[in-house]
PDB file of N, CA and C in Angstrom:
ATOM      1  N   UNK A   1     -23.114  -0.581 -21.761  1.00  0.00           N
ATOM      2  CA  UNK A   1     -21.687  -0.408 -21.556  1.00  0.00           C
ATOM      3  C   UNK A   1     -21.359  -0.824 -20.125  1.00  0.00           C
ATOM      4  N   UNK A   2     -20.401  -1.735 -19.992  1.00  0.00           N
ATOM      5  CA  UNK A   2     -20.019  -2.234 -18.682  1.00  0.00           C
ATOM      6  C   UNK A   2     -18.627  -1.740 -18.327  1.00  0.00           C
ATOM      7  N   UNK A   3     -18.506  -1.146 -17.155  1.00  0.00           N
ATOM      8  CA  UNK A   3     -17.207  -0.699 -16.663  1.00  0.00           C
ATOM      9  C   UNK A   3     -16.731  -1.707 -15.643  1.00  0.00           C
ATOM     10  N   UNK A   4     -15.526  -2.232 -15.853  1.00  0.00           N
ATOM     11  CA  UNK A   4     -14.989  -3.211 -14.917  1.00  0.00           C
ATOM     12  C   UNK A   4     -14.594  -2.515 -13.625  1.00  0.00           C
ATOM     13  N   UNK A   5     -15.076  -3.031 -12.509  1.00  0.00           N
ATOM     14  CA  UNK A   5     -14.787  -2.450 -11.205  1.00  0.00           C
ATOM     15  C   UNK A   5     -13.414  -2.921 -10.740  1.00  0.00           C
ATOM     16  N   UNK A   6     -12.630  -1.990 -10.233  1.00  0.00           N
ATOM     17  CA  UNK A   6     -11.308  -2.329  -9.707  1.00  0.00           C
ATOM     18  C   UNK A   6     -11.498  -3.100  -8.409  1.00  0.00           C
ATOM     19  N   UNK A   7     -10.778  -4.199  -8.285  1.00  0.00           N
ATOM     20  CA  UNK A   7     -10.911  -5.048  -7.110  1.00  0.00           C
ATOM     21  C   UNK A   7      -9.574  -5.132  -6.376  1.00  0.00           C
ATOM     22  N   UNK A   8      -9.624  -5.654  -5.163  1.00  0.00           N
ATOM     23  CA  UNK A   8      -8.409  -5.879  -4.392  1.00  0.00           C
ATOM     24  C   UNK A   8      -7.821  -4.587  -3.852  1.00  0.00           C
ATOM     25  N   UNK A   9      -6.528  -4.640  -3.484  1.00  0.00           N
ATOM     26  CA  UNK A   9      -5.885  -3.469  -2.869  1.00  0.00           C
ATOM     27  C   UNK A   9      -5.973  -2.202  -3.708  1.00  0.00           C
ATOM     28  N   UNK A  10      -5.913  -2.341  -5.029  1.00  0.00           N
ATOM     29  CA  UNK A  10      -5.930  -1.160  -5.906  1.00  0.00           C
ATOM     30  C   UNK A  10      -7.227  -0.366  -5.783  1.00  0.00           C
ATOM     31  N   UNK A  11      -8.294  -0.995  -5.305  1.00  0.00           N
ATOM     32  CA  UNK A  11      -9.561  -0.270  -5.161  1.00  0.00           C
ATOM     33  C   UNK A  11      -9.461   0.840  -4.110  1.00  0.00           C
ATOM     34  N   UNK A  12      -8.478   0.756  -3.228  1.00  0.00           N
ATOM     35  CA  UNK A  12      -8.270   1.784  -2.202  1.00  0.00           C
ATOM     36  C   UNK A  12      -7.441   2.963  -2.694  1.00  0.00           C
ATOM     37  N   UNK A  13      -6.751   2.807  -3.817  1.00  0.00           N
ATOM     38  CA  UNK A  13      -5.761   3.803  -4.220  1.00  0.00           C
ATOM     39  C   UNK A  13      -6.302   5.215  -4.400  1.00  0.00           C
ATOM     40  N   UNK A  14      -7.450   5.417  -5.053  1.00  0.00           N
ATOM     41  CA  UNK A  14      -7.934   6.811  -5.188  1.00  0.00           C
ATOM     42  C   UNK A  14      -8.154   7.487  -3.836  1.00  0.00           C
ATOM     43  N   UNK A  15      -8.723   6.765  -2.874  1.00  0.00           N
ATOM     44  CA  UNK A  15      -8.957   7.388  -1.567  1.00  0.00           C
ATOM     45  C   UNK A  15      -7.661   7.577  -0.791  1.00  0.00           C
ATOM     46  N   UNK A  16      -6.691   6.694  -0.979  1.00  0.00           N
ATOM     47  CA  UNK A  16      -5.381   6.851  -0.315  1.00  0.00           C
ATOM     48  C   UNK A  16      -4.699   8.108  -0.844  1.00  0.00           C
ATOM     49  N   UNK A  17      -4.684   8.260  -2.160  1.00  0.00           N
ATOM     50  CA  UNK A  17      -4.045   9.435  -2.757  1.00  0.00           C
ATOM     51  C   UNK A  17      -4.724  10.723  -2.303  1.00  0.00           C
ATOM     52  N   UNK A  18      -6.052  10.713  -2.240  1.00  0.00           N
ATOM     53  CA  UNK A  18      -6.792  11.909  -1.831  1.00  0.00           C
ATOM     54  C   UNK A  18      -6.550  12.227  -0.351  1.00  0.00           C
ATOM     55  N   UNK A  19      -6.627  11.208   0.495  1.00  0.00           N
ATOM     56  CA  UNK A  19      -6.523  11.433   1.935  1.00  0.00           C
ATOM     57  C   UNK A  19      -5.120  11.822   2.377  1.00  0.00           C
ATOM     58  N   UNK A  20      -4.099  11.194   1.783  1.00  0.00           N
ATOM     59  CA  UNK A  20      -2.731  11.409   2.259  1.00  0.00           C
ATOM     60  C   UNK A  20      -1.901  12.300   1.342  1.00  0.00           C
ATOM     61  N   UNK A  21      -2.463  12.727   0.216  1.00  0.00           N
ATOM     62  CA  UNK A  21      -1.843  13.744  -0.623  1.00  0.00           C
ATOM     63  C   UNK A  21      -0.607  13.332  -1.393  1.00  0.00           C
ATOM     64  N   UNK A  22      -0.411  12.032  -1.582  1.00  0.00           N
ATOM     65  CA  UNK A  22       0.738  11.557  -2.354  1.00  0.00           C
ATOM     66  C   UNK A  22       0.270  10.464  -3.297  1.00  0.00           C
ATOM     67  N   UNK A  23       0.906  10.364  -4.467  1.00  0.00           N
ATOM     68  CA  UNK A  23       0.532   9.282  -5.383  1.00  0.00           C
ATOM     69  C   UNK A  23       0.963   7.917  -4.833  1.00  0.00           C
ATOM     70  N   UNK A  24       0.293   6.879  -5.276  1.00  0.00           N
ATOM     71  CA  UNK A  24       0.602   5.525  -4.819  1.00  0.00           C
ATOM     72  C   UNK A  24       2.063   5.190  -5.075  1.00  0.00           C
ATOM     73  N   UNK A  25       2.600   5.663  -6.186  1.00  0.00           N
ATOM     74  CA  UNK A  25       4.012   5.401  -6.492  1.00  0.00           C
ATOM     75  C   UNK A  25       4.908   5.837  -5.334  1.00  0.00           C
ATOM     76  N   UNK A  26       4.639   7.010  -4.755  1.00  0.00           N
ATOM     77  CA  UNK A  26       5.444   7.495  -3.622  1.00  0.00           C
ATOM     78  C   UNK A  26       5.341   6.545  -2.433  1.00  0.00           C
ATOM     79  N   UNK A  27       4.129   6.094  -2.142  1.00  0.00           N
ATOM     80  CA  UNK A  27       3.947   5.180  -1.012  1.00  0.00           C
ATOM     81  C   UNK A  27       4.665   3.862  -1.259  1.00  0.00           C
ATOM     82  N   UNK A  28       4.631   3.391  -2.510  1.00  0.00           N
ATOM     83  CA  UNK A  28       5.327   2.149  -2.831  1.00  0.00           C
ATOM     84  C   UNK A  28       6.835   2.310  -2.665  1.00  0.00           C
ATOM     85  N   UNK A  29       7.367   3.454  -3.021  1.00  0.00           N
ATOM     86  CA  UNK A  29       8.798   3.698  -2.846  1.00  0.00           C
ATOM     87  C   UNK A  29       9.174   3.703  -1.362  1.00  0.00           C
ATOM     88  N   UNK A  30       8.312   4.270  -0.527  1.00  0.00           N
ATOM     89  CA  UNK A  30       8.552   4.256   0.920  1.00  0.00           C
ATOM     90  C   UNK A  30       8.589   2.821   1.428  1.00  0.00           C
ATOM     91  N   UNK A  31       7.635   2.010   0.980  1.00  0.00           N
ATOM     92  CA  UNK A  31       7.603   0.597   1.384  1.00  0.00           C
ATOM     93  C   UNK A  31       8.884  -0.097   0.929  1.00  0.00           C
ATOM     94  N   UNK A  32       9.276   0.101  -0.312  1.00  0.00           N
ATOM     95  CA  UNK A  32      10.459  -0.573  -0.862  1.00  0.00           C
ATOM     96  C   UNK A  32      11.743  -0.191  -0.135  1.00  0.00           C
ATOM     97  N   UNK A  33      11.819   1.025   0.362  1.00  0.00           N
ATOM     98  CA  UNK A  33      13.015   1.463   1.104  1.00  0.00           C
ATOM     99  C   UNK A  33      13.171   0.716   2.418  1.00  0.00           C
ATOM    100  N   UNK A  34      12.111   0.065   2.872  1.00  0.00           N
ATOM    101  CA  UNK A  34      12.151  -0.672   4.137  1.00  0.00           C
ATOM    102  C   UNK A  34      12.325  -2.177   3.937  1.00  0.00           C
ATOM    103  N   UNK A  35      12.558  -2.608   2.694  1.00  0.00           N
ATOM    104  CA  UNK A  35      12.860  -4.029   2.451  1.00  0.00           C
ATOM    105  C   UNK A  35      14.225  -4.340   3.043  1.00  0.00           C
ATOM    106  N   UNK A  36      14.500  -5.547   3.461  1.00  0.00           N
ATOM    107  CA  UNK A  36      13.517  -6.609   3.614  1.00  0.00           C
ATOM    108  C   UNK A  36      12.798  -6.452   4.945  1.00  0.00           C
ATOM    109  N   UNK A  37      11.527  -6.540   4.920  1.00  0.00           N
ATOM    110  CA  UNK A  37      10.711  -6.488   6.137  1.00  0.00           C
ATOM    111  C   UNK A  37       9.469  -7.320   5.884  1.00  0.00           C
ATOM    112  N   UNK A  38       8.887  -7.780   6.939  1.00  0.00           N
ATOM    113  CA  UNK A  38       7.668  -8.580   6.825  1.00  0.00           C
ATOM    114  C   UNK A  38       6.465  -7.677   6.568  1.00  0.00           C
ATOM    115  N   UNK A  39       5.436  -8.279   6.023  1.00  0.00           N
ATOM    116  CA  UNK A  39       4.210  -7.551   5.661  1.00  0.00           C
ATOM    117  C   UNK A  39       3.719  -6.654   6.802  1.00  0.00           C
ATOM    118  N   UNK A  40       3.509  -7.223   7.971  1.00  0.00           N
ATOM    119  CA  UNK A  40       2.940  -6.439   9.072  1.00  0.00           C
ATOM    120  C   UNK A  40       3.915  -5.402   9.613  1.00  0.00           C
ATOM    121  N   UNK A  41       5.214  -5.627   9.470  1.00  0.00           N
ATOM    122  CA  UNK A  41       6.194  -4.605   9.859  1.00  0.00           C
ATOM    123  C   UNK A  41       6.057  -3.386   8.941  1.00  0.00           C
ATOM    124  N   UNK A  42       5.842  -3.641   7.661  1.00  0.00           N
ATOM    125  CA  UNK A  42       5.666  -2.553   6.700  1.00  0.00           C
ATOM    126  C   UNK A  42       4.362  -1.801   6.960  1.00  0.00           C
ATOM    127  N   UNK A  43       3.301  -2.531   7.273  1.00  0.00           N
ATOM    128  CA  UNK A  43       2.012  -1.902   7.603  1.00  0.00           C
ATOM    129  C   UNK A  43       2.184  -1.017   8.838  1.00  0.00           C
ATOM    130  N   UNK A  44       2.838  -1.538   9.866  1.00  0.00           N
ATOM    131  CA  UNK A  44       3.055  -0.777  11.105  1.00  0.00           C
ATOM    132  C   UNK A  44       3.872   0.482  10.853  1.00  0.00           C
ATOM    133  N   UNK A  45       4.871   0.400   9.971  1.00  0.00           N
ATOM    134  CA  UNK A  45       5.696   1.550   9.643  1.00  0.00           C
ATOM    135  C   UNK A  45       4.852   2.646   8.993  1.00  0.00           C
ATOM    136  N   UNK A  46       3.999   2.284   8.027  1.00  0.00           N
ATOM    137  CA  UNK A  46       3.152   3.293   7.380  1.00  0.00           C
ATOM    138  C   UNK A  46       2.192   3.928   8.378  1.00  0.00           C
ATOM    139  N   UNK A  47       1.687   3.135   9.297  1.00  0.00           N
ATOM    140  CA  UNK A  47       0.766   3.649  10.299  1.00  0.00           C
ATOM    141  C   UNK A  47       1.476   4.582  11.280  1.00  0.00           C
ATOM    142  N   UNK A  48       2.609   4.153  11.822  1.00  0.00           N
ATOM    143  CA  UNK A  48       3.273   4.928  12.872  1.00  0.00           C
ATOM    144  C   UNK A  48       4.052   6.128  12.330  1.00  0.00           C
ATOM    145  N   UNK A  49       4.704   5.960  11.192  1.00  0.00           N
ATOM    146  CA  UNK A  49       5.545   7.045  10.666  1.00  0.00           C
ATOM    147  C   UNK A  49       4.800   8.006   9.749  1.00  0.00           C
ATOM    148  N   UNK A  50       3.677   7.550   9.170  1.00  0.00           N
ATOM    149  CA  UNK A  50       2.981   8.377   8.185  1.00  0.00           C
ATOM    150  C   UNK A  50       1.507   8.588   8.504  1.00  0.00           C
ATOM    151  N   UNK A  51       1.032   8.051   9.623  1.00  0.00           N
ATOM    152  CA  UNK A  51      -0.342   8.273  10.053  1.00  0.00           C
ATOM    153  C   UNK A  51      -1.396   7.627   9.172  1.00  0.00           C
ATOM    154  N   UNK A  52      -1.007   6.600   8.444  1.00  0.00           N
ATOM    155  CA  UNK A  52      -1.945   5.942   7.541  1.00  0.00           C
ATOM    156  C   UNK A  52      -2.818   4.967   8.324  1.00  0.00           C
ATOM    157  N   UNK A  53      -4.067   4.860   7.941  1.00  0.00           N
ATOM    158  CA  UNK A  53      -4.964   3.904   8.574  1.00  0.00           C
ATOM    159  C   UNK A  53      -4.575   2.480   8.223  1.00  0.00           C
ATOM    160  N   UNK A  54      -5.015   1.522   9.031  1.00  0.00           N
ATOM    161  CA  UNK A  54      -4.611   0.130   8.844  1.00  0.00           C
ATOM    162  C   UNK A  54      -5.017  -0.425   7.473  1.00  0.00           C
ATOM    163  N   UNK A  55      -6.254  -0.215   7.075  1.00  0.00           N
ATOM    164  CA  UNK A  55      -6.712  -0.749   5.796  1.00  0.00           C
ATOM    165  C   UNK A  55      -5.950  -0.180   4.611  1.00  0.00           C
ATOM    166  N   UNK A  56      -5.692   1.112   4.642  1.00  0.00           N
ATOM    167  CA  UNK A  56      -4.945   1.756   3.566  1.00  0.00           C
ATOM    168  C   UNK A  56      -3.503   1.262   3.542  1.00  0.00           C
ATOM    169  N   UNK A  57      -2.878   1.199   4.719  1.00  0.00           N
ATOM    170  CA  UNK A  57      -1.491   0.728   4.796  1.00  0.00           C
ATOM    171  C   UNK A  57      -1.404  -0.714   4.294  1.00  0.00           C
ATOM    172  N   UNK A  58      -2.325  -1.542   4.709  1.00  0.00           N
ATOM    173  CA  UNK A  58      -2.336  -2.939   4.290  1.00  0.00           C
ATOM    174  C   UNK A  58      -2.495  -3.056   2.773  1.00  0.00           C
ATOM    175  N   UNK A  59      -3.342  -2.230   2.182  1.00  0.00           N
ATOM    176  CA  UNK A  59      -3.559  -2.265   0.731  1.00  0.00           C
ATOM    177  C   UNK A  59      -2.284  -1.886  -0.017  1.00  0.00           C
ATOM    178  N   UNK A  60      -1.596  -0.837   0.419  1.00  0.00           N
ATOM    179  CA  UNK A  60      -0.357  -0.413  -0.240  1.00  0.00           C
ATOM    180  C   UNK A  60       0.700  -1.508  -0.127  1.00  0.00           C
ATOM    181  N   UNK A  61       0.868  -2.060   1.067  1.00  0.00           N
ATOM    182  CA  UNK A  61       1.880  -3.092   1.287  1.00  0.00           C
ATOM    183  C   UNK A  61       1.553  -4.345   0.476  1.00  0.00           C
ATOM    184  N   UNK A  62       0.315  -4.807   0.524  1.00  0.00           N
ATOM    185  CA  UNK A  62      -0.063  -6.016  -0.200  1.00  0.00           C
ATOM    186  C   UNK A  62       0.173  -5.857  -1.703  1.00  0.00           C
ATOM    187  N   UNK A  63      -0.218  -4.721  -2.244  1.00  0.00           N
ATOM    188  CA  UNK A  63      -0.052  -4.489  -3.679  1.00  0.00           C
ATOM    189  C   UNK A  63       1.430  -4.403  -4.046  1.00  0.00           C
ATOM    190  N   UNK A  64       2.215  -3.711  -3.237  1.00  0.00           N
ATOM    191  CA  UNK A  64       3.640  -3.549  -3.520  1.00  0.00           C
ATOM    192  C   UNK A  64       4.369  -4.882  -3.436  1.00  0.00           C
ATOM    193  N   UNK A  65       4.092  -5.658  -2.391  1.00  0.00           N
ATOM    194  CA  UNK A  65       4.731  -6.971  -2.267  1.00  0.00           C
ATOM    195  C   UNK A  65       4.349  -7.885  -3.425  1.00  0.00           C
ATOM    196  N   UNK A  66       3.098  -7.835  -3.842  1.00  0.00           N
ATOM    197  CA  UNK A  66       2.661  -8.670  -4.969  1.00  0.00           C
ATOM    198  C   UNK A  66       3.367  -8.257  -6.246  1.00  0.00           C
ATOM    199  N   UNK A  67       3.517  -6.957  -6.462  1.00  0.00           N
ATOM    200  CA  UNK A  67       4.218  -6.468  -7.654  1.00  0.00           C
ATOM    201  C   UNK A  67       5.671  -6.926  -7.663  1.00  0.00           C
ATOM    202  N   UNK A  68       6.293  -6.851  -6.504  1.00  0.00           N
ATOM    203  CA  UNK A  68       7.723  -7.149  -6.402  1.00  0.00           C
ATOM    204  C   UNK A  68       7.992  -8.626  -6.110  1.00  0.00           C
ATOM    205  N   UNK A  69       6.923  -9.378  -5.886  1.00  0.00           N
ATOM    206  CA  UNK A  69       7.006 -10.798  -5.572  1.00  0.00           C
ATOM    207  C   UNK A  69       7.941 -11.086  -4.397  1.00  0.00           C
ATOM    208  N   UNK A  70       7.843 -10.223  -3.385  1.00  0.00           N
ATOM    209  CA  UNK A  70       8.593 -10.424  -2.141  1.00  0.00           C
ATOM    210  C   UNK A  70       7.833 -11.426  -1.272  1.00  0.00           C
ATOM    211  N   UNK A  71       8.525 -12.199  -0.466  1.00  0.00           N
ATOM    212  CA  UNK A  71       7.803 -13.080   0.454  1.00  0.00           C
ATOM    213  C   UNK A  71       6.947 -12.254   1.399  1.00  0.00           C
ATOM    214  N   UNK A  72       5.710 -12.640   1.576  1.00  0.00           N
ATOM    215  CA  UNK A  72       4.782 -11.908   2.443  1.00  0.00           C
ATOM    216  C   UNK A  72       4.736 -12.526   3.827  1.00  0.00           C
ATOM    217  N   UNK A  73       5.815 -13.140   4.259  1.00  0.00           N
ATOM    218  CA  UNK A  73       5.844 -13.826   5.550  1.00  0.00           C
ATOM    219  C   UNK A  73       5.781 -12.888   6.717  1.00  0.00           C
TER     220      UNK A  73
END
């Protein structure tokens, strides 16, 4: 029996939810409330306003932008 391993930004989601105590959906809503903003502006916002680490913030932003097909400029 083979279990497919989750790859990309979503692979961080279980640890993000555990560490920061909120579901990914909540974090995505926070990101969306700051549109339009550039990728790194959104990452910086999660880090400075919510104390999220860079890798976790980047994973949430990358996944959310990809879902919403926003320019990642």
